[in-house]
């Protein structure tokens, strides 16, 4: 589904991504791990087209999307839940969710399917509240719901557990697990916390200083090796 080959990216004079490669199959969850500042968010923004790549390629369903704009990638079925959530604070919860349908045909972009409220029941009772009035955990659920209403084939989650209370972290893990078990969607999960990612991911890629230092499935990636690259 997603094939990233030898991606390089520069920020000014800094070489922020150094030949990064990874692959994600439909129905799998791939965890992208690494401490703060190693290039995880930069890579995700490159995958979405928010940042340009200097060289390498990004292919989605066999098509090179390396030069497509973010909205074109969204229209092809890629959804992005950014770090920090980026909720529209002055819009209602319902309006925030509907914003996720911007890439869909107008007729279908006015209806929120009930599945969203099955995944996030709390949002059903908050549709008229402003997004900025929600707690951090509720905003994170709203951000994921906003991504899922577009019915994407690939969901990119940038540190969904950051600053979230434990009870909602469990709810988010449950949603990710359900999406993976459906088998028709790929999940790229960017995380700092190995224990959270280990419960959900099929494959792991570890970044350090902008390059891949370890990759493999659960049988190939040891917890001690990963934690060495996650500790400060």
Protein backbone atom coordinates (compact mmCIF):
# COMPACT_ATOMS: atom_id res chain seq x y z
CA UNK A 1 0.00 0.00 0.00
CA UNK A 2 2.67 2.51 1.06
CA UNK A 3 6.21 2.22 -0.30
CA UNK A 4 8.77 4.83 0.75
CA UNK A 5 12.18 4.55 -0.84
CA UNK A 6 15.41 6.41 0.07
CA UNK A 7 13.72 9.68 1.05
CA UNK A 8 16.04 12.59 1.80
CA UNK A 9 14.89 15.94 3.14
CA UNK A 10 16.73 19.10 4.16
CA UNK A 11 15.77 21.98 6.41
CA UNK A 12 18.12 24.83 5.61
CA UNK A 13 21.58 23.33 5.97
CA UNK A 14 20.37 20.40 8.08
CA UNK A 15 19.98 16.96 6.53
CA UNK A 16 16.80 16.00 8.41
CA UNK A 17 15.93 12.71 6.67
CA UNK A 18 18.71 10.44 5.42
CA UNK A 19 17.66 7.80 2.92
CA UNK A 20 14.56 6.70 4.83
CA UNK A 21 12.73 3.65 3.47
CA UNK A 22 9.70 1.77 4.79
CA UNK A 23 6.78 -0.27 3.49
CA UNK A 24 3.28 -0.79 4.85
CA UNK A 25 0.75 -3.37 3.68
CA UNK A 26 -3.02 -3.02 3.73
CA UNK A 27 -4.43 -4.30 7.01
CA UNK A 28 -1.19 -3.75 8.91
CA UNK A 29 -0.09 -1.28 11.56
CA UNK A 30 3.46 0.00 11.26
CA UNK A 31 4.94 1.81 14.27
CA UNK A 32 7.43 4.58 13.57
CA UNK A 33 9.47 4.98 16.75
CA UNK A 34 12.12 7.42 17.96
CA UNK A 35 12.74 10.11 20.51
CA UNK A 36 11.84 13.78 19.96
CA UNK A 37 13.73 15.56 17.20
CA UNK A 38 14.86 12.53 15.16
CA UNK A 39 12.66 13.33 12.12
CA UNK A 40 9.46 11.36 12.73
CA UNK A 41 7.06 14.27 12.22
CA UNK A 42 9.16 15.55 9.32
CA UNK A 43 8.78 12.18 7.61
CA UNK A 44 5.01 12.16 8.14
CA UNK A 45 4.71 15.66 6.69
CA UNK A 46 6.71 14.51 3.67
CA UNK A 47 4.33 11.58 3.22
CA UNK A 48 1.39 14.00 3.25
CA UNK A 49 3.07 16.51 0.94
CA UNK A 50 3.20 19.25 3.58
CA UNK A 51 6.99 19.24 3.20
CA UNK A 52 8.81 18.50 -0.07
CA UNK A 53 11.35 15.72 -0.38
CA UNK A 54 14.75 16.38 -1.93
CA UNK A 55 15.11 12.89 -3.39
CA UNK A 56 13.63 9.43 -3.16
CA UNK A 57 10.03 8.40 -3.77
CA UNK A 58 6.69 7.92 -2.04
CA UNK A 59 4.34 5.43 -3.71
CA UNK A 60 0.75 4.75 -2.66
CA UNK A 61 -1.10 1.80 -4.17
CA UNK A 62 1.63 1.56 -6.79
CA UNK A 63 1.38 5.22 -7.88
CA UNK A 64 4.17 7.72 -7.30
CA UNK A 65 2.64 10.54 -5.24
CA UNK A 66 5.93 12.24 -4.37
CA UNK A 67 4.97 15.50 -6.08
CA UNK A 68 1.26 15.61 -5.31
CA UNK A 69 -0.22 18.36 -3.12
CA UNK A 70 -1.63 17.43 0.31
CA UNK A 71 -5.27 17.71 -0.83
CA UNK A 72 -4.54 15.40 -3.77
CA UNK A 73 -3.09 12.79 -1.42
CA UNK A 74 -6.11 13.14 0.85
CA UNK A 75 -8.40 12.59 -2.14
CA UNK A 76 -6.50 9.38 -2.93
CA UNK A 77 -7.32 8.01 0.52
CA UNK A 78 -4.63 9.18 2.95
CA UNK A 79 -5.71 10.75 6.25
CA UNK A 80 -3.40 12.54 8.68
CA UNK A 81 -3.88 13.13 12.40
CA UNK A 82 -1.16 15.69 13.23
CA UNK A 83 0.79 16.03 16.42
CA UNK A 84 -1.01 18.57 18.60
CA UNK A 85 -4.37 17.61 17.05
CA UNK A 86 -4.94 20.97 15.24
CA UNK A 87 -8.61 21.14 16.16
CA UNK A 88 -10.54 24.18 14.89
CA UNK A 89 -11.18 25.71 18.31
CA UNK A 90 -14.03 28.02 17.27
CA UNK A 91 -15.91 25.41 15.23
CA UNK A 92 -18.27 22.94 16.83
CA UNK A 93 -17.44 19.28 17.17
CA UNK A 94 -19.82 18.51 14.31
CA UNK A 95 -18.23 21.16 12.09
CA UNK A 96 -14.75 19.81 12.90
CA UNK A 97 -15.81 16.32 11.88
CA UNK A 98 -17.41 17.55 8.65
CA UNK A 99 -14.15 19.30 7.75
CA UNK A 100 -12.67 15.83 7.35
CA UNK A 101 -15.00 15.26 4.42
CA UNK A 102 -13.65 18.16 2.38
CA UNK A 103 -12.15 15.82 -0.21
CA UNK A 104 -15.40 13.85 -0.69
CA UNK A 105 -18.24 14.62 -3.15
CA UNK A 106 -20.55 17.35 -1.88
CA UNK A 107 -23.59 15.08 -1.50
CA UNK A 108 -21.80 12.70 0.88
CA UNK A 109 -19.86 15.40 2.72
CA UNK A 110 -22.84 16.46 4.84
CA UNK A 111 -23.52 13.16 6.62
CA UNK A 112 -21.58 11.66 9.51
CA UNK A 113 -21.88 7.88 9.52
CA UNK A 114 -22.92 6.24 12.75
CA UNK A 115 -19.71 4.19 12.85
CA UNK A 116 -17.84 7.29 14.01
CA UNK A 117 -19.99 7.51 17.11
CA UNK A 118 -19.62 3.79 17.73
CA UNK A 119 -15.86 4.32 17.84
CA UNK A 120 -16.08 7.56 19.83
CA UNK A 121 -19.40 7.60 21.76
CA UNK A 122 -18.47 10.73 23.72
CA UNK A 123 -18.52 12.84 20.54
CA UNK A 124 -22.21 12.15 19.91
CA UNK A 125 -23.11 14.10 23.07
CA UNK A 126 -20.79 16.99 22.22
CA UNK A 127 -21.71 17.83 18.63
CA UNK A 128 -22.80 21.38 19.46
CA UNK A 129 -19.80 22.19 21.68
CA UNK A 130 -16.84 24.14 20.36
CA UNK A 131 -13.75 22.12 19.71
CA UNK A 132 -11.67 24.42 21.90
CA UNK A 133 -13.86 23.61 24.92
CA UNK A 134 -12.97 19.91 24.86
CA UNK A 135 -10.28 18.32 27.00
CA UNK A 136 -7.03 17.25 25.39
CA UNK A 137 -8.12 13.63 25.24
CA UNK A 138 -11.49 14.51 23.74
CA UNK A 139 -9.77 16.69 21.15
CA UNK A 140 -7.53 13.76 20.21
CA UNK A 141 -10.58 11.56 19.70
CA UNK A 142 -12.14 14.34 17.62
CA UNK A 143 -8.99 14.62 15.48
CA UNK A 144 -9.03 10.88 14.77
CA UNK A 145 -12.76 10.96 14.02
CA UNK A 146 -12.21 13.87 11.63
CA UNK A 147 -9.67 11.74 9.75
CA UNK A 148 -11.82 8.62 9.66
CA UNK A 149 -14.98 10.26 8.23
CA UNK A 150 -13.14 10.55 4.91
CA UNK A 151 -13.09 6.70 4.82
CA UNK A 152 -9.35 6.61 4.13
CA UNK A 153 -7.32 3.60 3.09
CA UNK A 154 -4.28 4.82 5.04
CA UNK A 155 -4.34 6.65 8.38
CA UNK A 156 -1.24 8.43 9.66
CA UNK A 157 -1.25 9.12 13.42
CA UNK A 158 1.42 11.41 14.87
CA UNK A 159 1.89 10.62 18.58
CA UNK A 160 -1.78 10.18 19.47
CA UNK A 161 -0.94 9.45 23.15
CA UNK A 162 0.98 12.68 23.76
CA UNK A 163 -0.43 14.51 26.80
CA UNK A 164 -3.47 12.22 27.01
CA UNK A 165 -4.91 10.72 30.18
CA UNK A 166 -4.54 6.92 30.54
CA UNK A 167 -8.25 6.13 30.20
CA UNK A 168 -8.46 7.80 26.79
CA UNK A 169 -5.16 6.22 25.70
CA UNK A 170 -6.90 2.86 26.22
CA UNK A 171 -9.87 4.05 24.14
CA UNK A 172 -7.55 5.17 21.32
CA UNK A 173 -5.70 1.85 21.42
CA UNK A 174 -9.03 0.03 21.13
CA UNK A 175 -9.97 2.07 18.04
CA UNK A 176 -6.59 1.43 16.38
CA UNK A 177 -6.94 -2.29 17.10
CA UNK A 178 -10.45 -2.38 15.60
CA UNK A 179 -9.27 -0.56 12.47
CA UNK A 180 -6.38 -2.96 12.02
CA UNK A 181 -8.62 -6.00 12.48
CA UNK A 182 -10.92 -4.76 9.70
CA UNK A 183 -8.12 -5.58 7.28
CA UNK A 184 -8.95 -2.92 4.68
CA UNK A 185 -6.93 -0.01 6.06
CA UNK A 186 -3.24 0.63 6.72
CA UNK A 187 -2.12 2.44 9.87
CA UNK A 188 1.14 4.32 10.30
CA UNK A 189 1.53 5.00 14.00
CA UNK A 190 4.23 7.46 15.08
CA UNK A 191 5.11 6.99 18.75
CA UNK A 192 7.70 7.57 21.46
CA UNK A 193 6.32 4.86 23.74
CA UNK A 194 7.32 1.35 22.75
CA UNK A 195 4.93 -0.42 25.13
CA UNK A 196 1.92 1.29 23.53
CA UNK A 197 3.14 0.59 19.99
CA UNK A 198 4.09 -3.02 20.76
CA UNK A 199 0.46 -3.88 21.60
CA UNK A 200 -0.79 -2.62 18.24
CA UNK A 201 1.88 -2.81 15.56
CA UNK A 202 2.79 -5.60 13.15
CA UNK A 203 5.97 -3.89 11.92
CA UNK A 204 8.41 -1.44 13.49
CA UNK A 205 10.75 1.20 12.10
CA UNK A 206 13.08 3.06 14.47
CA UNK A 207 14.52 6.45 13.52
CA UNK A 208 17.59 8.11 14.99
CA UNK A 209 19.10 11.34 13.66
CA UNK A 210 16.99 11.15 10.53
CA UNK A 211 17.83 7.62 9.47
CA UNK A 212 16.44 4.14 10.01
CA UNK A 213 18.50 2.30 12.63
CA UNK A 214 16.24 -0.72 13.12
CA UNK A 215 13.30 -2.29 11.30
CA UNK A 216 11.36 -5.53 11.40
CA UNK A 217 8.40 -7.34 12.92
CA UNK A 218 7.88 -8.32 16.55
CA UNK A 219 10.12 -11.35 16.22
CA UNK A 220 12.96 -9.25 14.82
CA UNK A 221 12.78 -6.17 17.05
CA UNK A 222 13.80 -6.51 20.70
CA UNK A 223 12.43 -4.19 23.36
CA UNK A 224 15.86 -3.39 24.80
CA UNK A 225 17.23 -2.41 21.38
CA UNK A 226 14.28 -0.10 20.71
CA UNK A 227 14.30 1.50 24.16
CA UNK A 228 17.97 2.37 23.70
CA UNK A 229 16.92 4.65 20.84
CA UNK A 230 13.94 6.06 22.72
CA UNK A 231 15.65 6.99 25.98
CA UNK A 232 16.97 10.51 26.46
